[in-house]
Amino acid sequence: MAVSNSLTKKDDKTKLTFSAFLAQDAMKRKINEMVGGVKGQQFVTSIISAVSANPTLAECDNSSIVSAALLGQSLNLSPSPQLGQYYLVPFNDNKKGCKVAQFQLGYKGYIQLAIRSGNYKKINVLAIKEGELIKYDPLAEEIEVNLIEDDEIREQTPTIGYYAMFEYQNGFKKTLYWTKKKMLAHADKYSQAFSLKATTGKYPKVSYEDYEAGKVDPKDMWLYSSYWYKDFDGMAYKTMLRQLISKWGIMSIEMQEAYTKDMAEIREDGTYEYVDNTSEYKEAENGNMEQIEGNITEETNSELVEHENVTQTVPEDDPFFN
């Protein structure tokens, strides 16, 4: 999934638009070699659409966008936000001094890869609503619930926890249940862009409870761009599946690749690097303030890396390899 460096050696002032970058003969040949045919045109259309829908992504190094998208293509996943299989997420690379696109697997991507492996008979993840949980026995891994039948009422009912399960074709089952309180603590601990309690400083943030209640000044919404704010349930689902599958699931070669490269910048030579887990703020050229998130998801430091930069290999303490 390497993207030729010769295509990116442009002065910032003459940076090509993403469409123009893809229209270069060398890039056309590269995409044709790696994707080709009808799929090649679909690939180009899908990533142009993704970049067009996200102005901040358009500011990223063009080659990093293509490299991340080529990884998604190799996994046969779509970057469409509506499908939620994987995302191209803009991050600030302090070493390069520019924004780069990071490959980020969505929870639906985990489900797609698991089903495609042929090992799983069933796989599911679900938010448990207030009043639904009767009992969860962590020893027997059995859950007893009485789900709200009316979907509209259920959607409006507060979430109290998250449940995930899988069953192999041979009948082996594994389940996991976390309370929402545990999930909130997990996000607060591992995501630098998420704050459970109110924070002070140059850019103060309200507590997550106040955020959910809408007690945020509209002009400060840029502070809450993390997916833990924008789609908490989606991030919680991903966390549950990641915890469940990485510790107890059978992982295909595709899933191993997606797991190890999730939340990483894919380099031009095909290697990868995890973006520093920091939150930075800088003044944009138009005078407004924008947040450049170092990492908006939680597991990178806890399950993959304890240091800033990882290339090609996964540490020995990674739960999948133990």
Protein backbone atom coordinates (compact mmCIF):
# COMPACT_ATOMS: atom_id res chain seq x y z
CA MET A 1 0.00 0.00 0.00
CA ALA A 2 2.94 2.32 -0.57
CA VAL A 3 2.38 5.63 -2.26
CA SER A 4 5.31 7.11 -4.14
CA ASN A 5 6.97 9.97 -2.31
CA SER A 6 7.73 11.64 -5.63
CA LEU A 7 4.05 12.47 -5.90
CA THR A 8 4.02 14.45 -2.70
CA LYS A 9 7.10 16.64 -2.89
CA LYS A 10 5.19 19.87 -3.28
CA ASP A 11 5.58 23.16 -1.48
CA ASP A 12 2.65 23.80 0.88
CA LYS A 13 1.69 26.88 -1.13
CA THR A 14 1.34 24.80 -4.29
CA LYS A 15 -0.26 21.75 -2.68
CA LEU A 16 -2.46 20.00 -5.18
CA THR A 17 -6.13 19.54 -4.46
CA PHE A 18 -6.94 15.94 -3.70
CA SER A 19 -8.75 15.46 -7.00
CA ALA A 20 -5.79 16.88 -8.91
CA PHE A 21 -3.43 14.65 -6.92
CA LEU A 22 -5.40 11.56 -7.96
CA ALA A 23 -5.50 12.76 -11.58
CA GLN A 24 -1.70 12.58 -11.94
CA ASP A 25 -0.54 9.86 -14.32
CA ALA A 26 1.76 8.30 -11.73
CA MET A 27 -1.08 8.10 -9.20
CA LYS A 28 -3.45 6.66 -11.78
CA ARG A 29 -0.92 3.93 -12.52
CA LYS A 30 -0.41 3.26 -8.81
CA ILE A 31 -4.13 2.87 -8.15
CA ASN A 32 -4.58 0.77 -11.28
CA GLU A 33 -1.77 -1.55 -10.17
CA MET A 34 -3.17 -1.98 -6.66
CA VAL A 35 -6.91 -1.89 -7.35
CA GLY A 36 -7.57 -1.74 -11.08
CA GLY A 37 -10.60 -1.99 -13.34
CA VAL A 38 -14.07 -1.05 -12.16
CA LYS A 39 -12.97 -1.32 -8.53
CA GLY A 40 -10.29 1.30 -9.23
CA GLN A 41 -12.87 3.85 -10.35
CA GLN A 42 -15.11 3.00 -7.39
CA PHE A 43 -12.13 3.43 -5.08
CA VAL A 44 -11.33 6.88 -6.49
CA THR A 45 -14.97 7.97 -6.29
CA SER A 46 -15.37 6.80 -2.70
CA ILE A 47 -12.28 8.56 -1.33
CA ILE A 48 -12.98 11.78 -3.25
CA SER A 49 -16.46 11.71 -1.69
CA ALA A 50 -15.00 11.13 1.78
CA VAL A 51 -12.55 14.03 1.40
CA SER A 52 -15.23 16.34 -0.02
CA ALA A 53 -17.44 15.64 2.99
CA ASN A 54 -14.70 16.56 5.47
CA PRO A 55 -12.90 19.89 4.85
CA THR A 56 -10.28 19.11 7.52
CA LEU A 57 -9.42 15.87 5.76
CA ALA A 58 -8.72 17.88 2.61
CA GLU A 59 -5.94 19.65 4.55
CA CYS A 60 -4.13 16.35 5.15
CA ASP A 61 -1.09 15.13 3.28
CA ASN A 62 -2.59 13.64 0.11
CA SER A 63 -0.46 10.51 0.13
CA SER A 64 -1.53 9.67 3.69
CA ILE A 65 -5.17 9.75 2.59
CA VAL A 66 -4.51 7.39 -0.30
CA SER A 67 -2.38 5.03 1.81
CA ALA A 68 -5.06 4.77 4.51
CA ALA A 69 -7.76 4.26 1.88
CA LEU A 70 -5.71 1.58 0.12
CA LEU A 71 -5.53 -0.32 3.41
CA GLY A 72 -9.30 -0.12 3.68
CA GLN A 73 -9.59 -1.29 0.07
CA SER A 74 -7.28 -4.25 0.70
CA LEU A 75 -9.61 -5.25 3.53
CA ASN A 76 -12.59 -4.86 1.18
CA LEU A 77 -14.16 -2.24 3.46
CA SER A 78 -15.89 0.99 2.48
CA PRO A 79 -14.93 4.49 3.72
CA SER A 80 -18.55 5.63 3.44
CA PRO A 81 -19.55 7.28 6.76
CA GLN A 82 -23.04 5.86 6.28
CA LEU A 83 -21.69 2.29 6.35
CA GLY A 84 -19.35 2.94 9.29
CA GLN A 85 -16.83 0.24 8.32
CA TYR A 86 -13.75 2.46 8.54
CA TYR A 87 -12.94 6.16 8.64
CA LEU A 88 -10.24 8.47 7.33
CA VAL A 89 -9.58 10.68 10.34
CA PRO A 90 -7.40 13.84 10.20
CA PHE A 91 -4.66 14.17 12.81
CA ASN A 92 -1.76 16.50 13.39
CA ASP A 93 1.65 14.90 12.87
CA ASN A 94 4.07 16.88 15.04
CA LYS A 95 7.13 15.34 13.41
CA LYS A 96 6.08 16.14 9.86
CA GLY A 97 4.53 19.46 10.81
CA CYS A 98 1.35 18.74 8.86
CA LYS A 99 -1.96 16.95 9.08
CA VAL A 100 -2.16 13.31 8.09
CA ALA A 101 -5.04 10.89 7.59
CA GLN A 102 -5.31 8.01 10.03
CA PHE A 103 -6.99 4.68 9.27
CA GLN A 104 -9.66 4.04 11.88
CA LEU A 105 -11.73 0.87 11.90
CA GLY A 106 -15.41 1.22 12.81
CA TYR A 107 -17.33 -1.36 14.83
CA LYS A 108 -19.21 -2.42 11.69
CA GLY A 109 -15.83 -3.11 10.10
CA TYR A 110 -15.01 -5.51 12.94
CA ILE A 111 -18.33 -7.27 12.36
CA GLN A 112 -17.77 -7.49 8.59
CA LEU A 113 -14.30 -9.00 9.01
CA ALA A 114 -15.51 -11.47 11.63
CA ILE A 115 -18.40 -12.69 9.50
CA ARG A 116 -16.22 -12.93 6.40
CA SER A 117 -13.73 -15.17 8.22
CA GLY A 118 -16.37 -17.92 8.38
CA ASN A 119 -15.47 -18.74 12.00
CA TYR A 120 -18.40 -16.98 13.62
CA LYS A 121 -21.95 -18.29 13.68
CA LYS A 122 -23.18 -15.28 15.63
CA ILE A 123 -21.70 -11.92 16.63
CA ASN A 124 -23.55 -9.04 18.21
CA VAL A 125 -23.11 -5.87 20.25
CA LEU A 126 -25.95 -3.98 21.90
CA ALA A 127 -26.65 -1.04 24.19
CA ILE A 128 -28.65 -2.10 27.24
CA LYS A 129 -31.27 0.45 28.24
CA GLU A 130 -32.53 1.54 31.64
CA GLY A 131 -34.94 -1.02 33.07
CA GLU A 132 -33.93 -3.81 30.66
CA LEU A 133 -31.19 -5.59 32.61
CA ILE A 134 -32.41 -8.22 35.03
CA LYS A 135 -29.11 -9.97 35.73
CA TYR A 136 -25.66 -10.58 34.25
CA ASP A 137 -23.57 -13.41 35.67
CA PRO A 138 -19.90 -12.82 34.71
CA LEU A 139 -18.89 -16.32 35.84
CA ALA A 140 -21.41 -18.20 33.72
CA GLU A 141 -21.41 -15.33 31.19
CA GLU A 142 -25.18 -15.38 31.08
CA ILE A 143 -27.34 -12.30 30.70
CA GLU A 144 -31.03 -11.95 31.46
CA VAL A 145 -32.81 -8.95 29.96
CA ASN A 146 -36.30 -7.78 29.15
CA LEU A 147 -35.83 -5.57 26.08
CA ILE A 148 -38.17 -2.67 25.41
CA GLU A 149 -40.24 -3.75 22.41
CA ASP A 150 -41.11 -0.30 21.06
CA ASP A 151 -38.03 0.80 19.10
CA GLU A 152 -38.88 4.50 19.35
CA ILE A 153 -39.29 4.37 23.12
CA ARG A 154 -36.16 2.22 23.42
CA GLU A 155 -34.12 4.72 21.41
CA GLN A 156 -35.09 7.52 23.79
CA THR A 157 -34.40 5.50 26.94
CA PRO A 158 -31.02 6.16 28.65
CA THR A 159 -28.27 3.56 28.15
CA ILE A 160 -26.94 1.83 31.28
CA GLY A 161 -24.47 -0.62 29.72
CA TYR A 162 -23.13 -2.50 26.71
CA TYR A 163 -23.27 -6.19 25.84
CA ALA A 164 -21.24 -8.05 23.22
CA MET A 165 -21.15 -11.73 22.30
CA PHE A 166 -19.95 -14.16 19.69
CA GLU A 167 -20.52 -17.83 18.97
CA TYR A 168 -18.21 -19.95 16.84
CA GLN A 169 -19.47 -22.38 14.25
CA ASN A 170 -18.46 -25.17 16.67
CA GLY A 171 -20.71 -23.78 19.40
CA PHE A 172 -18.12 -22.06 21.62
CA LYS A 173 -19.55 -18.82 23.04
CA LYS A 174 -18.09 -15.78 24.73
CA THR A 175 -19.87 -12.76 26.18
CA LEU A 176 -18.92 -9.44 27.75
CA TYR A 177 -20.91 -6.80 29.63
CA TRP A 178 -19.73 -3.38 30.72
CA THR A 179 -21.74 -0.76 32.56
CA LYS A 180 -21.86 2.65 30.94
CA LYS A 181 -20.06 3.96 34.01
CA LYS A 182 -17.16 1.62 33.23
CA MET A 183 -17.18 2.65 29.57
CA LEU A 184 -17.12 6.34 30.53
CA ALA A 185 -14.17 5.74 32.85
CA HIS A 186 -12.42 3.81 30.08
CA ALA A 187 -12.88 6.66 27.60
CA ASP A 188 -11.80 9.23 30.17
CA LYS A 189 -8.62 7.28 30.94
CA TYR A 190 -7.48 6.44 27.44
CA SER A 191 -8.77 9.24 25.22
CA GLN A 192 -6.94 12.54 25.62
CA ALA A 193 -9.72 14.24 23.66
CA PHE A 194 -12.50 13.11 26.03
CA SER A 195 -13.20 14.54 29.46
CA LEU A 196 -15.69 13.01 31.87
CA LYS A 197 -15.42 15.92 34.28
CA ALA A 198 -15.22 19.62 33.52
CA THR A 199 -11.73 20.87 32.73
CA THR A 200 -10.06 24.22 33.22
CA GLY A 201 -7.19 25.94 31.48
CA LYS A 202 -6.82 27.86 28.25
CA TYR A 203 -9.60 25.84 26.61
CA PRO A 204 -12.02 24.76 29.38
CA LYS A 205 -14.57 22.06 28.66
CA VAL A 206 -17.83 21.20 30.36
CA SER A 207 -18.38 17.77 31.89
CA TYR A 208 -19.70 14.99 29.68
CA GLU A 209 -22.97 15.12 31.62
CA ASP A 210 -23.37 18.81 30.75
CA TYR A 211 -22.37 18.09 27.16
CA GLU A 212 -25.15 15.49 26.88
CA ALA A 213 -27.55 18.01 28.39
CA GLY A 214 -26.66 20.52 25.68
CA LYS A 215 -24.95 22.94 28.06
CA VAL A 216 -22.27 23.90 25.55
CA ASP A 217 -21.80 27.25 23.86
CA PRO A 218 -22.19 26.63 20.09
CA LYS A 219 -18.93 28.48 19.42
CA ASP A 220 -17.10 25.93 21.60
CA MET A 221 -18.40 22.82 19.82
CA TRP A 222 -15.04 22.40 18.06
CA LEU A 223 -13.69 21.29 21.44
CA TYR A 224 -15.96 18.24 21.30
CA SER A 225 -15.00 16.82 17.91
CA SER A 226 -13.94 13.45 19.35
CA TYR A 227 -16.10 10.53 18.30
CA TRP A 228 -16.51 9.79 22.00
CA TYR A 229 -18.67 12.91 21.99
CA LYS A 230 -20.17 12.68 18.51
CA ASP A 231 -20.99 8.95 18.61
CA PHE A 232 -20.41 7.53 22.08
CA ASP A 233 -22.42 4.37 21.41
CA GLY A 234 -20.48 3.68 18.20
CA MET A 235 -17.17 4.02 20.04
CA ALA A 236 -18.50 1.87 22.90
CA TYR A 237 -19.56 -0.86 20.46
CA LYS A 238 -16.10 -0.83 18.90
CA THR A 239 -14.47 -1.05 22.33
CA MET A 240 -16.63 -4.02 23.30
CA LEU A 241 -15.89 -5.93 20.08
CA ARG A 242 -12.21 -5.06 20.26
CA GLN A 243 -11.98 -6.29 23.84
CA LEU A 244 -13.98 -9.45 23.11
CA ILE A 245 -12.40 -10.52 19.82
CA SER A 246 -8.79 -9.59 20.59
CA LYS A 247 -8.80 -11.58 23.82
CA TRP A 248 -10.94 -14.60 22.93
CA GLY A 249 -11.80 -14.54 19.23
CA ILE A 250 -10.32 -16.27 16.21
CA MET A 251 -8.71 -13.59 14.07
CA SER A 252 -8.26 -14.03 10.34
CA ILE A 253 -5.21 -12.55 8.58
CA GLU A 254 -7.41 -9.64 7.46
CA MET A 255 -8.64 -9.02 10.99
CA GLN A 256 -5.10 -9.16 12.38
CA GLU A 257 -4.01 -6.53 9.87
CA ALA A 258 -7.01 -4.31 10.63
CA TYR A 259 -6.45 -4.73 14.38
CA THR A 260 -2.75 -3.85 14.33
CA LYS A 261 -3.14 -0.91 11.91
CA ASP A 262 -6.29 0.49 13.47
CA MET A 263 -5.76 4.12 14.59
CA ALA A 264 -2.45 4.40 12.72
CA GLU A 265 -1.06 6.57 9.97
CA ILE A 266 -0.17 4.34 7.02
CA ARG A 267 3.18 5.44 5.65
CA GLU A 268 4.17 5.77 2.02
CA ASP A 269 6.23 2.57 2.15
CA GLY A 270 3.37 0.57 3.63
CA THR A 271 4.61 0.57 7.24
CA TYR A 272 2.54 2.29 9.89
CA GLU A 273 2.91 4.57 12.88
CA TYR A 274 0.57 5.39 15.73
CA VAL A 275 -0.05 9.11 16.09
CA ASP A 276 1.01 10.56 19.44
CA ASN A 277 -1.74 10.33 22.03
CA THR A 278 -1.96 14.06 22.73
CA SER A 279 -4.41 16.88 22.24
CA GLU A 280 -3.08 20.07 20.78
CA TYR A 281 -4.68 23.36 19.96
CA LYS A 282 -3.47 25.78 17.37
CA GLU A 283 -4.68 28.92 15.76
CA ALA A 284 -5.90 28.32 12.25
CA GLU A 285 -4.96 30.65 9.44
CA ASN A 286 -8.44 32.18 9.48
CA GLY A 287 -8.06 33.26 13.08
CA ASN A 288 -10.38 30.63 14.53
CA MET A 289 -9.23 27.99 16.96
CA GLU A 290 -9.34 24.34 16.08
CA GLN A 291 -8.43 21.24 18.01
CA ILE A 292 -6.04 18.77 16.50
CA GLU A 293 -6.63 15.51 18.32
CA GLY A 294 -3.71 13.23 18.86
CA ASN A 295 -5.94 10.23 19.38
CA ILE A 296 -9.72 10.10 19.75
CA THR A 297 -9.95 6.42 20.49
CA GLU A 298 -8.92 4.57 23.55
CA GLU A 299 -7.14 1.30 23.04
CA THR A 300 -3.92 2.35 21.30
CA ASN A 301 -1.99 3.03 24.48
CA SER A 302 -3.68 0.35 26.59
CA GLU A 303 -3.57 -2.55 24.16
CA LEU A 304 -1.00 -1.78 21.50
CA VAL A 305 1.59 0.78 22.54
CA GLU A 306 2.92 2.45 25.66
CA HIS A 307 5.30 4.69 23.73
CA GLU A 308 4.79 7.24 21.00
CA ASN A 309 5.89 5.56 17.81
CA VAL A 310 5.42 2.00 16.57
CA THR A 311 6.43 0.79 13.13
CA GLN A 312 5.62 -2.56 11.55
CA THR A 313 5.74 -4.68 14.72
CA VAL A 314 3.33 -5.06 17.64
CA PRO A 315 4.72 -5.19 21.19
CA GLU A 316 4.93 -8.55 22.92
CA ASP A 317 2.37 -7.51 25.53
CA ASP A 318 -0.35 -7.08 22.92
CA PRO A 319 -3.36 -9.19 24.08
CA PHE A 320 -3.82 -10.78 20.66
CA PHE A 321 -0.33 -12.25 20.62
CA ASN A 322 -0.52 -13.61 24.19
